[in-house]
N, C-alpha and C. Protein backbone atom coordinates (compact mmCIF):
# COMPACT_ATOMS: atom_id res chain seq x y z
N MET A 1 88.86 46.52 -9.37
CA MET A 1 87.48 46.95 -9.39
C MET A 1 87.45 48.45 -9.59
N GLY A 2 86.78 48.87 -10.64
CA GLY A 2 86.70 50.29 -10.90
C GLY A 2 85.32 50.84 -10.62
N ILE A 3 85.21 52.13 -10.78
CA ILE A 3 83.93 52.77 -10.52
C ILE A 3 82.86 52.30 -11.50
N GLY A 4 83.29 51.96 -12.72
CA GLY A 4 82.35 51.43 -13.71
C GLY A 4 81.73 50.12 -13.25
N ASP A 5 82.56 49.26 -12.63
CA ASP A 5 82.05 48.00 -12.10
C ASP A 5 81.06 48.25 -10.97
N ASP A 6 81.40 49.20 -10.10
CA ASP A 6 80.50 49.54 -8.99
C ASP A 6 79.14 49.99 -9.52
N ILE A 7 79.18 50.86 -10.52
CA ILE A 7 77.94 51.39 -11.09
C ILE A 7 77.13 50.27 -11.74
N ARG A 8 77.83 49.41 -12.50
CA ARG A 8 77.14 48.29 -13.15
C ARG A 8 76.49 47.36 -12.12
N ASN A 9 77.23 47.05 -11.07
CA ASN A 9 76.69 46.16 -10.04
C ASN A 9 75.49 46.77 -9.32
N LYS A 10 75.59 48.04 -8.99
CA LYS A 10 74.47 48.71 -8.30
C LYS A 10 73.26 48.82 -9.22
N ALA A 11 73.49 49.08 -10.50
CA ALA A 11 72.38 49.16 -11.46
C ALA A 11 71.71 47.80 -11.60
N GLN A 12 72.51 46.73 -11.66
CA GLN A 12 71.94 45.39 -11.76
C GLN A 12 71.16 45.04 -10.49
N GLU A 13 71.69 45.45 -9.36
CA GLU A 13 70.99 45.19 -8.09
C GLU A 13 69.65 45.92 -8.07
N ALA A 14 69.64 47.19 -8.48
CA ALA A 14 68.40 47.98 -8.50
C ALA A 14 67.40 47.39 -9.50
N THR A 15 67.88 46.99 -10.65
CA THR A 15 67.01 46.38 -11.66
C THR A 15 66.41 45.09 -11.12
N GLY A 16 67.24 44.31 -10.44
CA GLY A 16 66.77 43.06 -9.86
C GLY A 16 65.68 43.30 -8.82
N LYS A 17 65.89 44.31 -7.98
CA LYS A 17 64.88 44.64 -6.97
C LYS A 17 63.57 45.05 -7.62
N ALA A 18 63.68 45.85 -8.68
CA ALA A 18 62.47 46.31 -9.37
C ALA A 18 61.75 45.13 -10.02
N LYS A 19 62.48 44.26 -10.69
CA LYS A 19 61.86 43.10 -11.33
C LYS A 19 61.20 42.20 -10.28
N GLU A 20 61.89 42.00 -9.19
CA GLU A 20 61.35 41.14 -8.14
C GLU A 20 60.07 41.74 -7.57
N PHE A 21 60.07 43.04 -7.33
CA PHE A 21 58.90 43.72 -6.78
C PHE A 21 57.73 43.66 -7.76
N ILE A 22 57.99 44.01 -9.01
CA ILE A 22 56.91 44.01 -10.02
C ILE A 22 56.39 42.60 -10.24
N GLY A 23 57.30 41.63 -10.31
CA GLY A 23 56.88 40.25 -10.48
C GLY A 23 56.03 39.77 -9.32
N ASP A 24 56.40 40.18 -8.11
CA ASP A 24 55.63 39.81 -6.93
C ASP A 24 54.24 40.45 -6.96
N LYS A 25 54.17 41.71 -7.31
CA LYS A 25 52.89 42.44 -7.29
C LYS A 25 51.96 42.01 -8.43
N THR A 26 52.54 41.57 -9.54
CA THR A 26 51.71 41.17 -10.68
C THR A 26 51.49 39.66 -10.77
N GLY A 27 52.14 38.94 -9.87
CA GLY A 27 52.01 37.49 -9.90
C GLY A 27 52.82 36.83 -11.00
N ASP A 28 53.79 37.54 -11.53
CA ASP A 28 54.65 37.01 -12.60
C ASP A 28 55.88 36.36 -11.95
N ALA A 29 55.80 35.06 -11.75
CA ALA A 29 56.88 34.34 -11.08
C ALA A 29 58.18 34.37 -11.88
N ASP A 30 58.07 34.37 -13.21
CA ASP A 30 59.28 34.42 -14.03
C ASP A 30 60.02 35.74 -13.84
N LEU A 31 59.28 36.84 -13.85
CA LEU A 31 59.90 38.16 -13.66
C LEU A 31 60.48 38.26 -12.25
N GLN A 32 59.75 37.76 -11.28
CA GLN A 32 60.26 37.77 -9.91
C GLN A 32 61.56 36.96 -9.83
N GLY A 33 61.59 35.81 -10.48
CA GLY A 33 62.79 34.98 -10.49
C GLY A 33 63.96 35.67 -11.15
N GLU A 34 63.68 36.39 -12.25
CA GLU A 34 64.75 37.16 -12.91
C GLU A 34 65.32 38.20 -11.96
N GLY A 35 64.44 38.82 -11.21
CA GLY A 35 64.88 39.83 -10.25
C GLY A 35 65.78 39.23 -9.18
N VAL A 36 65.39 38.08 -8.67
CA VAL A 36 66.21 37.41 -7.66
C VAL A 36 67.56 37.04 -8.26
N ARG A 37 67.55 36.54 -9.50
CA ARG A 37 68.80 36.17 -10.17
C ARG A 37 69.70 37.40 -10.36
N ASP A 38 69.11 38.50 -10.81
CA ASP A 38 69.89 39.73 -11.02
C ASP A 38 70.53 40.20 -9.71
N ARG A 39 69.74 40.21 -8.64
CA ARG A 39 70.28 40.65 -7.35
C ARG A 39 71.37 39.71 -6.85
N THR A 40 71.17 38.41 -7.05
CA THR A 40 72.17 37.43 -6.61
C THR A 40 73.46 37.60 -7.39
N GLU A 41 73.37 37.74 -8.72
CA GLU A 41 74.57 37.94 -9.54
C GLU A 41 75.31 39.20 -9.11
N SER A 42 74.56 40.26 -8.85
CA SER A 42 75.17 41.51 -8.42
C SER A 42 75.89 41.33 -7.09
N GLY A 43 75.26 40.63 -6.17
CA GLY A 43 75.88 40.39 -4.87
C GLY A 43 77.15 39.57 -4.99
N ILE A 44 77.12 38.57 -5.85
CA ILE A 44 78.31 37.74 -6.05
C ILE A 44 79.44 38.58 -6.65
N ARG A 45 79.12 39.40 -7.63
CA ARG A 45 80.16 40.26 -8.23
C ARG A 45 80.74 41.22 -7.20
N GLN A 46 79.86 41.81 -6.39
CA GLN A 46 80.34 42.74 -5.37
C GLN A 46 81.24 42.03 -4.36
N ALA A 47 80.86 40.83 -3.96
CA ALA A 47 81.68 40.06 -3.01
C ALA A 47 83.02 39.70 -3.64
N ALA A 48 83.01 39.29 -4.90
CA ALA A 48 84.26 38.94 -5.59
C ALA A 48 85.16 40.16 -5.72
N ASP A 49 84.58 41.30 -6.03
CA ASP A 49 85.37 42.54 -6.14
C ASP A 49 86.00 42.88 -4.79
N SER A 50 85.23 42.71 -3.72
CA SER A 50 85.74 42.99 -2.38
C SER A 50 86.89 42.06 -2.01
N VAL A 51 86.74 40.77 -2.31
CA VAL A 51 87.80 39.80 -2.03
C VAL A 51 89.04 40.14 -2.83
N ARG A 52 88.86 40.49 -4.11
CA ARG A 52 90.00 40.83 -4.97
C ARG A 52 90.73 42.06 -4.40
N GLU A 53 89.98 43.05 -3.95
CA GLU A 53 90.58 44.26 -3.40
C GLU A 53 91.34 43.95 -2.10
N LYS A 54 90.73 43.14 -1.23
CA LYS A 54 91.39 42.80 0.03
C LYS A 54 92.62 41.94 -0.19
N ALA A 55 92.57 41.06 -1.16
CA ALA A 55 93.74 40.23 -1.48
C ALA A 55 94.89 41.11 -1.98
N GLY A 56 94.55 42.10 -2.79
CA GLY A 56 95.58 43.04 -3.27
C GLY A 56 96.19 43.83 -2.13
N ASP A 57 95.34 44.27 -1.18
CA ASP A 57 95.83 45.00 -0.02
C ASP A 57 96.75 44.11 0.83
N ALA A 58 96.35 42.85 1.01
CA ALA A 58 97.17 41.92 1.80
C ALA A 58 98.51 41.68 1.12
N ALA A 59 98.49 41.52 -0.19
CA ALA A 59 99.74 41.31 -0.94
C ALA A 59 100.65 42.52 -0.80
N ASP A 60 100.08 43.72 -0.86
CA ASP A 60 100.87 44.94 -0.69
C ASP A 60 101.50 44.98 0.70
N SER A 61 100.72 44.62 1.72
CA SER A 61 101.25 44.62 3.09
C SER A 61 102.38 43.61 3.25
N LEU A 62 102.20 42.43 2.68
CA LEU A 62 103.25 41.41 2.75
C LEU A 62 104.52 41.88 2.04
N ARG A 63 104.34 42.51 0.89
CA ARG A 63 105.49 43.00 0.13
C ARG A 63 106.25 44.05 0.94
N GLU A 64 105.50 44.97 1.57
CA GLU A 64 106.13 46.01 2.38
C GLU A 64 106.86 45.41 3.57
N GLY A 65 106.23 44.41 4.21
CA GLY A 65 106.87 43.75 5.34
C GLY A 65 108.13 43.03 4.94
N ALA A 66 108.10 42.37 3.80
CA ALA A 66 109.28 41.65 3.30
C ALA A 66 110.40 42.62 2.99
N GLU A 67 110.06 43.76 2.41
CA GLU A 67 111.08 44.76 2.11
C GLU A 67 111.71 45.30 3.39
N GLY A 68 110.89 45.49 4.42
CA GLY A 68 111.40 45.95 5.71
C GLY A 68 112.34 44.93 6.34
N LEU A 69 111.95 43.66 6.28
CA LEU A 69 112.81 42.60 6.82
C LEU A 69 114.12 42.51 6.06
N LYS A 70 114.04 42.66 4.75
CA LYS A 70 115.25 42.60 3.93
C LYS A 70 116.21 43.72 4.32
N ALA A 71 115.67 44.92 4.52
CA ALA A 71 116.51 46.06 4.90
C ALA A 71 117.16 45.82 6.27
N LYS A 72 116.39 45.27 7.21
CA LYS A 72 116.96 44.98 8.53
C LYS A 72 118.05 43.93 8.43
N ALA A 73 117.80 42.88 7.65
CA ALA A 73 118.80 41.82 7.49
C ALA A 73 120.07 42.38 6.85
N GLU A 74 119.91 43.22 5.85
CA GLU A 74 121.09 43.81 5.22
C GLU A 74 121.86 44.67 6.20
N GLY A 75 121.14 45.39 7.05
CA GLY A 75 121.79 46.20 8.08
C GLY A 75 122.55 45.34 9.08
N LEU A 76 121.96 44.23 9.49
CA LEU A 76 122.63 43.33 10.43
C LEU A 76 123.86 42.70 9.79
N ILE A 77 123.73 42.30 8.53
CA ILE A 77 124.87 41.70 7.83
C ILE A 77 126.00 42.71 7.68
N GLY A 78 125.62 43.92 7.31
CA GLY A 78 126.63 44.98 7.17
C GLY A 78 127.31 45.28 8.49
N GLY A 79 126.54 45.28 9.58
CA GLY A 79 127.11 45.52 10.91
C GLY A 79 128.04 44.39 11.33
N ALA A 80 127.66 43.17 11.01
CA ALA A 80 128.51 42.02 11.35
C ALA A 80 129.81 42.07 10.56
N LYS A 81 129.73 42.45 9.30
CA LYS A 81 130.95 42.55 8.48
C LYS A 81 131.87 43.62 9.04
N ASP A 82 131.28 44.77 9.43
CA ASP A 82 132.09 45.85 9.98
C ASP A 82 132.74 45.42 11.29
N ALA A 83 132.02 44.70 12.12
CA ALA A 83 132.58 44.23 13.38
C ALA A 83 133.72 43.24 13.12
N GLY A 84 133.59 42.42 12.12
CA GLY A 84 134.64 41.45 11.78
C GLY A 84 135.88 42.14 11.24
N GLU A 85 135.72 43.22 10.53
CA GLU A 85 136.85 43.95 9.96
C GLU A 85 137.62 44.71 11.05
N ASP A 86 136.92 45.09 12.11
CA ASP A 86 137.56 45.84 13.20
C ASP A 86 138.50 44.97 13.99
N ARG A 87 138.42 43.67 13.88
CA ARG A 87 139.27 42.77 14.68
C ARG A 87 140.64 42.69 14.17
């Protein structure tokens, strides 16, 4: 998710709010419906972007944890080999 996506989503949300407001004040149900649709689409995109970002963060954390475990395991294996050679 980039800043361009954020701007597009916020612009669509604002446009939707304006259409909904104008449609409500003028009695134009179609325009009001378009506004609701625009705001809903924007909300869905924002939620999807947030999920995508959090999933990426979780994957990064898992990768870092796995690398840490690998390093510890290699250290234990190396220590065990050294202890075996000392005998």
